Amino acid sequence: MAYRDPVAQRLVAAALADLAQRYGGPGDATPVGGTQFDPPDGAFLVATVHGVPAGCAGWRTRPEQPDVAELKRMYTLPEYRGRGVASALLTAVEESARAAGCTRVWLETGLRQPEAIALYEKLGYVPIPNFGYYAGYPNCRSFGREL
């Protein structure tokens, strides 16, 4: 699905609202362009449960490291949490990135998202040096995984 699709944008808006509630401000000020998730340099995925959008996740390549897929806008609606939606999304992101030639997935999250940190660690992600937009922020935690 395209990042610019209305369904995707509703999920992204919910994700940013969740982040804004946790951190204040816009939720995530990382610059994200709508075409950054277009193949072959990225993808944006929407998970459904019985045909109803339940979550989303995207990846984009990093211009300075084209073998790295950066995970962005990973989110599951509250009513679908605990059902494996996030794990399925992350697996699909990894498969998509691998098929595009990426060898690693990196992501940024924060200390106010303990459930996200637990998910990433459960799925084999390990801490890496902070990178990107929030590299200098004390609450930022970055994780990565080899594909």
N, C-alpha and C. Protein backbone atom coordinates (compact mmCIF):
# COMPACT_ATOMS: atom_id res chain seq x y z
N MET A 1 0.85 -1.18 0.00
CA MET A 1 0.00 0.00 0.00
C MET A 1 0.89 1.24 0.00
N ALA A 2 0.48 2.25 -0.67
CA ALA A 2 1.25 3.49 -0.70
C ALA A 2 1.10 4.24 0.61
N TYR A 3 2.17 4.87 1.04
CA TYR A 3 2.17 5.67 2.27
C TYR A 3 1.11 6.76 2.19
N ARG A 4 0.87 7.26 0.98
CA ARG A 4 -0.07 8.36 0.78
C ARG A 4 -1.53 7.90 0.74
N ASP A 5 -1.78 6.60 0.75
CA ASP A 5 -3.13 6.07 0.71
C ASP A 5 -3.90 6.54 1.95
N PRO A 6 -5.18 6.87 1.82
CA PRO A 6 -5.95 7.35 2.98
C PRO A 6 -5.97 6.38 4.16
N VAL A 7 -6.02 5.08 3.91
CA VAL A 7 -6.01 4.11 5.00
C VAL A 7 -4.68 4.19 5.75
N ALA A 8 -3.59 4.22 4.99
CA ALA A 8 -2.27 4.33 5.60
C ALA A 8 -2.15 5.64 6.39
N GLN A 9 -2.65 6.71 5.83
CA GLN A 9 -2.54 8.00 6.51
C GLN A 9 -3.35 8.05 7.80
N ARG A 10 -4.48 7.36 7.85
CA ARG A 10 -5.25 7.31 9.11
C ARG A 10 -4.45 6.56 10.19
N LEU A 11 -3.80 5.48 9.80
CA LEU A 11 -2.99 4.74 10.76
C LEU A 11 -1.77 5.55 11.19
N VAL A 12 -1.14 6.23 10.26
CA VAL A 12 0.01 7.07 10.60
C VAL A 12 -0.43 8.19 11.54
N ALA A 13 -1.57 8.79 11.29
CA ALA A 13 -2.08 9.84 12.19
C ALA A 13 -2.30 9.29 13.59
N ALA A 14 -2.82 8.07 13.69
CA ALA A 14 -3.03 7.46 15.01
C ALA A 14 -1.68 7.19 15.68
N ALA A 15 -0.70 6.75 14.91
CA ALA A 15 0.63 6.50 15.45
C ALA A 15 1.24 7.79 15.99
N LEU A 16 1.14 8.87 15.22
CA LEU A 16 1.72 10.14 15.66
C LEU A 16 0.98 10.69 16.87
N ALA A 17 -0.34 10.49 16.93
CA ALA A 17 -1.09 10.93 18.11
C ALA A 17 -0.66 10.16 19.35
N ASP A 18 -0.40 8.87 19.20
CA ASP A 18 0.09 8.07 20.32
C ASP A 18 1.45 8.58 20.79
N LEU A 19 2.33 8.87 19.84
CA LEU A 19 3.65 9.38 20.20
C LEU A 19 3.56 10.77 20.83
N ALA A 20 2.66 11.60 20.32
CA ALA A 20 2.48 12.94 20.89
C ALA A 20 2.00 12.85 22.34
N GLN A 21 1.14 11.89 22.61
CA GLN A 21 0.65 11.71 23.98
C GLN A 21 1.79 11.27 24.90
N ARG A 22 2.67 10.43 24.39
CA ARG A 22 3.79 9.94 25.20
C ARG A 22 4.90 10.97 25.37
N TYR A 23 5.20 11.72 24.30
CA TYR A 23 6.38 12.60 24.29
C TYR A 23 6.06 14.08 24.16
N GLY A 24 4.85 14.42 23.78
CA GLY A 24 4.51 15.81 23.52
C GLY A 24 4.87 16.20 22.09
N GLY A 25 4.61 17.42 21.74
CA GLY A 25 4.92 17.91 20.39
C GLY A 25 4.15 17.16 19.32
N PRO A 26 4.75 17.05 18.11
CA PRO A 26 4.06 16.40 17.00
C PRO A 26 4.09 14.87 17.07
N GLY A 27 4.81 14.34 18.04
CA GLY A 27 4.94 12.89 18.16
C GLY A 27 6.23 12.39 17.59
N ASP A 28 6.51 12.73 16.35
CA ASP A 28 7.77 12.35 15.71
C ASP A 28 8.07 13.41 14.67
N ALA A 29 9.14 14.14 14.88
CA ALA A 29 9.50 15.22 13.98
C ALA A 29 10.47 14.78 12.88
N THR A 30 10.77 13.50 12.82
CA THR A 30 11.66 13.00 11.79
C THR A 30 11.07 13.33 10.42
N PRO A 31 11.85 13.96 9.54
CA PRO A 31 11.33 14.23 8.19
C PRO A 31 11.02 12.93 7.45
N VAL A 32 9.80 12.82 6.98
CA VAL A 32 9.36 11.65 6.22
C VAL A 32 8.64 12.14 4.99
N GLY A 33 9.16 11.77 3.82
CA GLY A 33 8.50 12.10 2.56
C GLY A 33 7.66 10.94 2.10
N GLY A 34 6.53 11.24 1.49
CA GLY A 34 5.59 10.22 1.07
C GLY A 34 6.15 9.21 0.09
N THR A 35 7.12 9.60 -0.71
CA THR A 35 7.67 8.66 -1.70
C THR A 35 8.84 7.85 -1.16
N GLN A 36 9.30 8.13 0.06
CA GLN A 36 10.44 7.39 0.62
C GLN A 36 10.11 5.92 0.86
N PHE A 37 8.83 5.59 0.92
CA PHE A 37 8.43 4.21 1.16
C PHE A 37 8.03 3.49 -0.13
N ASP A 38 8.29 4.13 -1.27
CA ASP A 38 7.97 3.51 -2.55
C ASP A 38 9.06 2.53 -2.97
N PRO A 39 8.66 1.38 -3.52
CA PRO A 39 9.65 0.44 -4.03
C PRO A 39 10.47 1.10 -5.14
N PRO A 40 11.71 0.75 -5.32
CA PRO A 40 12.41 -0.35 -4.66
C PRO A 40 13.16 0.08 -3.39
N ASP A 41 13.05 1.34 -3.02
CA ASP A 41 13.82 1.86 -1.89
C ASP A 41 13.06 1.84 -0.58
N GLY A 42 11.92 1.19 -0.55
CA GLY A 42 11.13 1.12 0.67
C GLY A 42 9.80 0.45 0.39
N ALA A 43 9.01 0.36 1.45
CA ALA A 43 7.66 -0.20 1.34
C ALA A 43 6.87 0.25 2.55
N PHE A 44 5.56 0.33 2.38
CA PHE A 44 4.69 0.65 3.49
C PHE A 44 3.62 -0.43 3.54
N LEU A 45 3.46 -1.04 4.70
CA LEU A 45 2.58 -2.19 4.86
C LEU A 45 1.47 -1.88 5.85
N VAL A 46 0.29 -2.39 5.58
CA VAL A 46 -0.85 -2.27 6.48
C VAL A 46 -1.33 -3.67 6.81
N ALA A 47 -1.45 -3.95 8.09
CA ALA A 47 -1.98 -5.23 8.55
C ALA A 47 -3.48 -5.09 8.76
N THR A 48 -4.21 -6.15 8.41
CA THR A 48 -5.64 -6.16 8.64
C THR A 48 -6.01 -7.38 9.48
N VAL A 49 -7.07 -7.23 10.23
CA VAL A 49 -7.66 -8.34 10.98
C VAL A 49 -9.10 -8.43 10.53
N HIS A 50 -9.44 -9.52 9.89
CA HIS A 50 -10.79 -9.72 9.32
C HIS A 50 -11.16 -8.55 8.41
N GLY A 51 -10.18 -8.10 7.62
CA GLY A 51 -10.42 -7.04 6.65
C GLY A 51 -10.39 -5.62 7.20
N VAL A 52 -10.16 -5.47 8.48
CA VAL A 52 -10.14 -4.15 9.11
C VAL A 52 -8.69 -3.73 9.36
N PRO A 53 -8.27 -2.53 8.92
CA PRO A 53 -6.91 -2.09 9.19
C PRO A 53 -6.61 -2.10 10.68
N ALA A 54 -5.49 -2.75 11.06
CA ALA A 54 -5.14 -2.92 12.47
C ALA A 54 -3.79 -2.33 12.83
N GLY A 55 -2.94 -2.11 11.85
CA GLY A 55 -1.61 -1.58 12.15
C GLY A 55 -0.85 -1.30 10.87
N CYS A 56 0.31 -0.70 11.04
CA CYS A 56 1.13 -0.33 9.88
C CYS A 56 2.60 -0.33 10.25
N ALA A 57 3.42 -0.38 9.23
CA ALA A 57 4.87 -0.24 9.38
C ALA A 57 5.44 0.01 8.00
N GLY A 58 6.50 0.79 7.97
CA GLY A 58 7.18 1.04 6.71
C GLY A 58 8.67 0.94 6.89
N TRP A 59 9.34 0.81 5.77
CA TRP A 59 10.80 0.87 5.78
C TRP A 59 11.25 1.71 4.60
N ARG A 60 12.38 2.35 4.81
CA ARG A 60 13.01 3.14 3.75
C ARG A 60 14.50 2.93 3.83
N THR A 61 15.16 3.04 2.70
CA THR A 61 16.61 2.91 2.74
C THR A 61 17.22 4.23 3.18
N ARG A 62 18.42 4.10 3.70
CA ARG A 62 19.18 5.28 4.14
C ARG A 62 20.16 5.62 3.03
N PRO A 63 20.10 6.84 2.47
CA PRO A 63 20.96 7.18 1.33
C PRO A 63 22.44 6.90 1.57
N GLU A 64 22.89 7.14 2.81
CA GLU A 64 24.30 6.94 3.11
C GLU A 64 24.64 5.47 3.39
N GLN A 65 23.61 4.64 3.56
CA GLN A 65 23.79 3.21 3.82
C GLN A 65 22.67 2.44 3.13
N PRO A 66 22.79 2.24 1.81
CA PRO A 66 21.68 1.66 1.05
C PRO A 66 21.35 0.21 1.41
N ASP A 67 22.20 -0.45 2.19
CA ASP A 67 21.89 -1.83 2.60
C ASP A 67 21.10 -1.87 3.90
N VAL A 68 20.81 -0.70 4.49
CA VAL A 68 20.07 -0.62 5.75
C VAL A 68 18.63 -0.19 5.47
N ALA A 69 17.69 -0.97 5.96
CA ALA A 69 16.28 -0.60 5.92
C ALA A 69 15.95 0.05 7.27
N GLU A 70 15.48 1.28 7.23
CA GLU A 70 15.10 1.97 8.46
C GLU A 70 13.60 1.79 8.68
N LEU A 71 13.24 1.20 9.80
CA LEU A 71 11.84 0.98 10.15
C LEU A 71 11.24 2.30 10.62
N LYS A 72 10.07 2.65 10.08
CA LYS A 72 9.37 3.86 10.48
C LYS A 72 7.88 3.58 10.58
N ARG A 73 7.21 4.34 11.42
CA ARG A 73 5.76 4.34 11.56
C ARG A 73 5.19 2.96 11.91
N MET A 74 5.92 2.23 12.74
CA MET A 74 5.45 0.94 13.25
C MET A 74 4.38 1.23 14.29
N TYR A 75 3.17 0.69 14.08
CA TYR A 75 2.08 1.00 14.99
C TYR A 75 0.98 -0.05 14.87
N THR A 76 0.40 -0.38 16.01
CA THR A 76 -0.78 -1.25 16.07
C THR A 76 -1.86 -0.51 16.86
N LEU A 77 -3.05 -0.47 16.31
CA LEU A 77 -4.17 0.15 17.03
C LEU A 77 -4.37 -0.57 18.37
N PRO A 78 -4.71 0.17 19.42
CA PRO A 78 -4.83 -0.44 20.76
C PRO A 78 -5.73 -1.67 20.82
N GLU A 79 -6.83 -1.65 20.11
CA GLU A 79 -7.77 -2.77 20.19
C GLU A 79 -7.24 -4.06 19.54
N TYR A 80 -6.11 -3.96 18.82
CA TYR A 80 -5.52 -5.15 18.18
C TYR A 80 -4.20 -5.57 18.81
N ARG A 81 -3.80 -4.89 19.85
CA ARG A 81 -2.54 -5.25 20.51
C ARG A 81 -2.68 -6.58 21.24
N GLY A 82 -1.57 -7.30 21.33
CA GLY A 82 -1.57 -8.58 21.99
C GLY A 82 -2.06 -9.73 21.12
N ARG A 83 -2.26 -9.47 19.84
CA ARG A 83 -2.76 -10.49 18.91
C ARG A 83 -1.71 -10.92 17.88
N GLY A 84 -0.49 -10.43 18.00
CA GLY A 84 0.55 -10.80 17.05
C GLY A 84 0.64 -9.90 15.83
N VAL A 85 -0.14 -8.83 15.79
CA VAL A 85 -0.14 -7.94 14.63
C VAL A 85 1.24 -7.30 14.45
N ALA A 86 1.81 -6.78 15.51
CA ALA A 86 3.11 -6.11 15.40
C ALA A 86 4.21 -7.08 14.98
N SER A 87 4.20 -8.28 15.53
CA SER A 87 5.20 -9.28 15.14
C SER A 87 5.06 -9.63 13.67
N ALA A 88 3.82 -9.81 13.20
CA ALA A 88 3.59 -10.13 11.79
C ALA A 88 4.03 -8.98 10.89
N LEU A 89 3.75 -7.75 11.30
CA LEU A 89 4.19 -6.58 10.52
C LEU A 89 5.71 -6.52 10.42
N LEU A 90 6.37 -6.72 11.55
CA LEU A 90 7.82 -6.64 11.54
C LEU A 90 8.43 -7.74 10.68
N THR A 91 7.88 -8.94 10.74
CA THR A 91 8.35 -10.02 9.88
C THR A 91 8.15 -9.67 8.41
N ALA A 92 7.00 -9.09 8.08
CA ALA A 92 6.74 -8.70 6.69
C ALA A 92 7.69 -7.60 6.23
N VAL A 93 7.99 -6.65 7.12
CA VAL A 93 8.95 -5.59 6.80
C VAL A 93 10.32 -6.21 6.50
N GLU A 94 10.74 -7.12 7.35
CA GLU A 94 12.04 -7.77 7.16
C GLU A 94 12.09 -8.52 5.83
N GLU A 95 11.03 -9.26 5.52
CA GLU A 95 10.99 -10.00 4.26
C GLU A 95 11.03 -9.07 3.06
N SER A 96 10.29 -7.98 3.12
CA SER A 96 10.27 -6.99 2.05
C SER A 96 11.64 -6.35 1.86
N ALA A 97 12.26 -5.95 2.97
CA ALA A 97 13.57 -5.31 2.91
C ALA A 97 14.63 -6.29 2.38
N ARG A 98 14.57 -7.52 2.83
CA ARG A 98 15.52 -8.54 2.37
C ARG A 98 15.36 -8.75 0.86
N ALA A 99 14.14 -8.83 0.39
CA ALA A 99 13.88 -9.02 -1.04
C ALA A 99 14.41 -7.86 -1.88
N ALA A 100 14.48 -6.67 -1.26
CA ALA A 100 14.99 -5.48 -1.95
C ALA A 100 16.51 -5.37 -1.85
N GLY A 101 17.16 -6.32 -1.18
CA GLY A 101 18.61 -6.31 -1.09
C GLY A 101 19.19 -5.74 0.18
N CYS A 102 18.36 -5.39 1.13
CA CYS A 102 18.87 -4.86 2.40
C CYS A 102 19.41 -6.03 3.25
N THR A 103 20.42 -5.72 4.04
CA THR A 103 21.03 -6.74 4.89
C THR A 103 20.81 -6.48 6.38
N ARG A 104 20.27 -5.31 6.71
CA ARG A 104 20.04 -4.95 8.10
C ARG A 104 18.78 -4.11 8.22
N VAL A 105 18.15 -4.16 9.39
CA VAL A 105 17.05 -3.26 9.73
C VAL A 105 17.48 -2.48 10.96
N TRP A 106 17.30 -1.17 10.91
CA TRP A 106 17.58 -0.29 12.05
C TRP A 106 16.28 0.43 12.41
N LEU A 107 16.18 0.83 13.67
CA LEU A 107 15.02 1.60 14.10
C LEU A 107 15.37 2.46 15.29
N GLU A 108 14.58 3.51 15.45
CA GLU A 108 14.66 4.37 16.62
C GLU A 108 13.35 4.22 17.39
N THR A 109 13.45 4.16 18.70
CA THR A 109 12.28 4.19 19.57
C THR A 109 12.66 5.00 20.79
N GLY A 110 11.83 5.01 21.80
CA GLY A 110 12.14 5.82 22.97
C GLY A 110 11.78 5.13 24.26
N LEU A 111 12.30 5.67 25.34
CA LEU A 111 12.09 5.07 26.65
C LEU A 111 10.63 5.05 27.08
N ARG A 112 9.80 5.91 26.49
CA ARG A 112 8.39 5.92 26.85
C ARG A 112 7.57 4.93 26.02
N GLN A 113 8.26 4.03 25.36
CA GLN A 113 7.61 2.97 24.58
C GLN A 113 8.17 1.61 25.02
N PRO A 114 7.98 1.27 26.29
CA PRO A 114 8.57 0.02 26.78
C PRO A 114 8.03 -1.23 26.08
N GLU A 115 6.78 -1.18 25.64
CA GLU A 115 6.24 -2.34 24.94
C GLU A 115 6.89 -2.53 23.58
N ALA A 116 7.27 -1.43 22.92
CA ALA A 116 7.98 -1.53 21.65
C ALA A 116 9.37 -2.11 21.87
N ILE A 117 10.05 -1.61 22.89
CA ILE A 117 11.40 -2.12 23.19
C ILE A 117 11.33 -3.61 23.49
N ALA A 118 10.34 -4.04 24.26
CA ALA A 118 10.20 -5.46 24.58
C ALA A 118 9.95 -6.28 23.32
N LEU A 119 9.13 -5.78 22.41
CA LEU A 119 8.87 -6.49 21.15
C LEU A 119 10.14 -6.64 20.34
N TYR A 120 10.86 -5.56 20.16
CA TYR A 120 12.08 -5.61 19.35
C TYR A 120 13.10 -6.58 19.95
N GLU A 121 13.27 -6.52 21.25
CA GLU A 121 14.22 -7.44 21.89
C GLU A 121 13.77 -8.89 21.76
N LYS A 122 12.46 -9.14 21.91
CA LYS A 122 11.92 -10.49 21.77
C LYS A 122 12.18 -11.04 20.36
N LEU A 123 12.17 -10.16 19.36
CA LEU A 123 12.33 -10.59 17.98
C LEU A 123 13.78 -10.51 17.49
N GLY A 124 14.72 -10.37 18.43
CA GLY A 124 16.13 -10.46 18.08
C GLY A 124 16.84 -9.17 17.75
N TYR A 125 16.22 -8.05 18.00
CA TYR A 125 16.88 -6.77 17.77
C TYR A 125 17.77 -6.46 18.97
N VAL A 126 18.91 -5.86 18.68
CA VAL A 126 19.88 -5.53 19.72
C VAL A 126 20.17 -4.03 19.68
N PRO A 127 20.55 -3.48 20.83
CA PRO A 127 20.88 -2.04 20.84
C PRO A 127 22.04 -1.73 19.89
N ILE A 128 21.92 -0.61 19.20
CA ILE A 128 22.98 -0.10 18.34
C ILE A 128 23.17 1.37 18.70
N PRO A 129 24.27 1.98 18.27
CA PRO A 129 24.43 3.41 18.54
C PRO A 129 23.28 4.20 17.93
N ASN A 130 22.82 5.22 18.64
CA ASN A 130 21.75 6.05 18.12
C ASN A 130 22.18 6.67 16.80
N PHE A 131 21.22 6.88 15.93
CA PHE A 131 21.48 7.40 14.59
C PHE A 131 20.32 8.31 14.20
N GLY A 132 20.43 8.95 13.09
CA GLY A 132 19.30 9.67 12.52
C GLY A 132 18.87 10.90 13.31
N TYR A 133 17.63 11.26 13.12
CA TYR A 133 17.09 12.52 13.63
C TYR A 133 17.22 12.65 15.14
N TYR A 134 17.01 11.56 15.88
CA TYR A 134 17.03 11.62 17.34
C TYR A 134 18.34 11.14 17.96
N ALA A 135 19.39 11.08 17.20
CA ALA A 135 20.67 10.54 17.68
C ALA A 135 21.15 11.20 18.97
N GLY A 136 20.93 12.48 19.12
CA GLY A 136 21.42 13.19 20.29
C GLY A 136 20.44 13.29 21.44
N TYR A 137 19.30 12.66 21.32
CA TYR A 137 18.27 12.76 22.37
C TYR A 137 18.49 11.69 23.44
N PRO A 138 18.48 12.07 24.72
CA PRO A 138 18.77 11.10 25.79
C PRO A 138 17.72 9.99 25.92
N ASN A 139 16.48 10.23 25.51
CA ASN A 139 15.44 9.20 25.62
C ASN A 139 15.37 8.27 24.41
N CYS A 140 16.19 8.53 23.41
CA CYS A 140 16.19 7.71 22.20
C CYS A 140 16.93 6.40 22.44
N ARG A 141 16.38 5.34 21.91
CA ARG A 141 17.04 4.03 21.91
C ARG A 141 16.94 3.49 20.50
N SER A 142 18.07 3.07 19.96
CA SER A 142 18.12 2.52 18.61
C SER A 142 18.43 1.03 18.68
N PHE A 143 17.84 0.30 17.76
CA PHE A 143 18.01 -1.14 17.69
C PHE A 143 18.27 -1.54 16.25
N GLY A 144 18.91 -2.68 16.08
CA GLY A 144 19.15 -3.19 14.74
C GLY A 144 19.18 -4.70 14.75
N ARG A 145 19.07 -5.23 13.53
CA ARG A 145 19.10 -6.67 13.36
C ARG A 145 19.61 -6.98 11.96
N GLU A 146 20.47 -7.99 11.89
CA GLU A 146 20.93 -8.48 10.61
C GLU A 146 19.81 -9.32 9.99
N LEU A 147 19.66 -9.21 8.69
CA LEU A 147 18.63 -10.01 8.00
C LEU A 147 19.22 -11.29 7.45
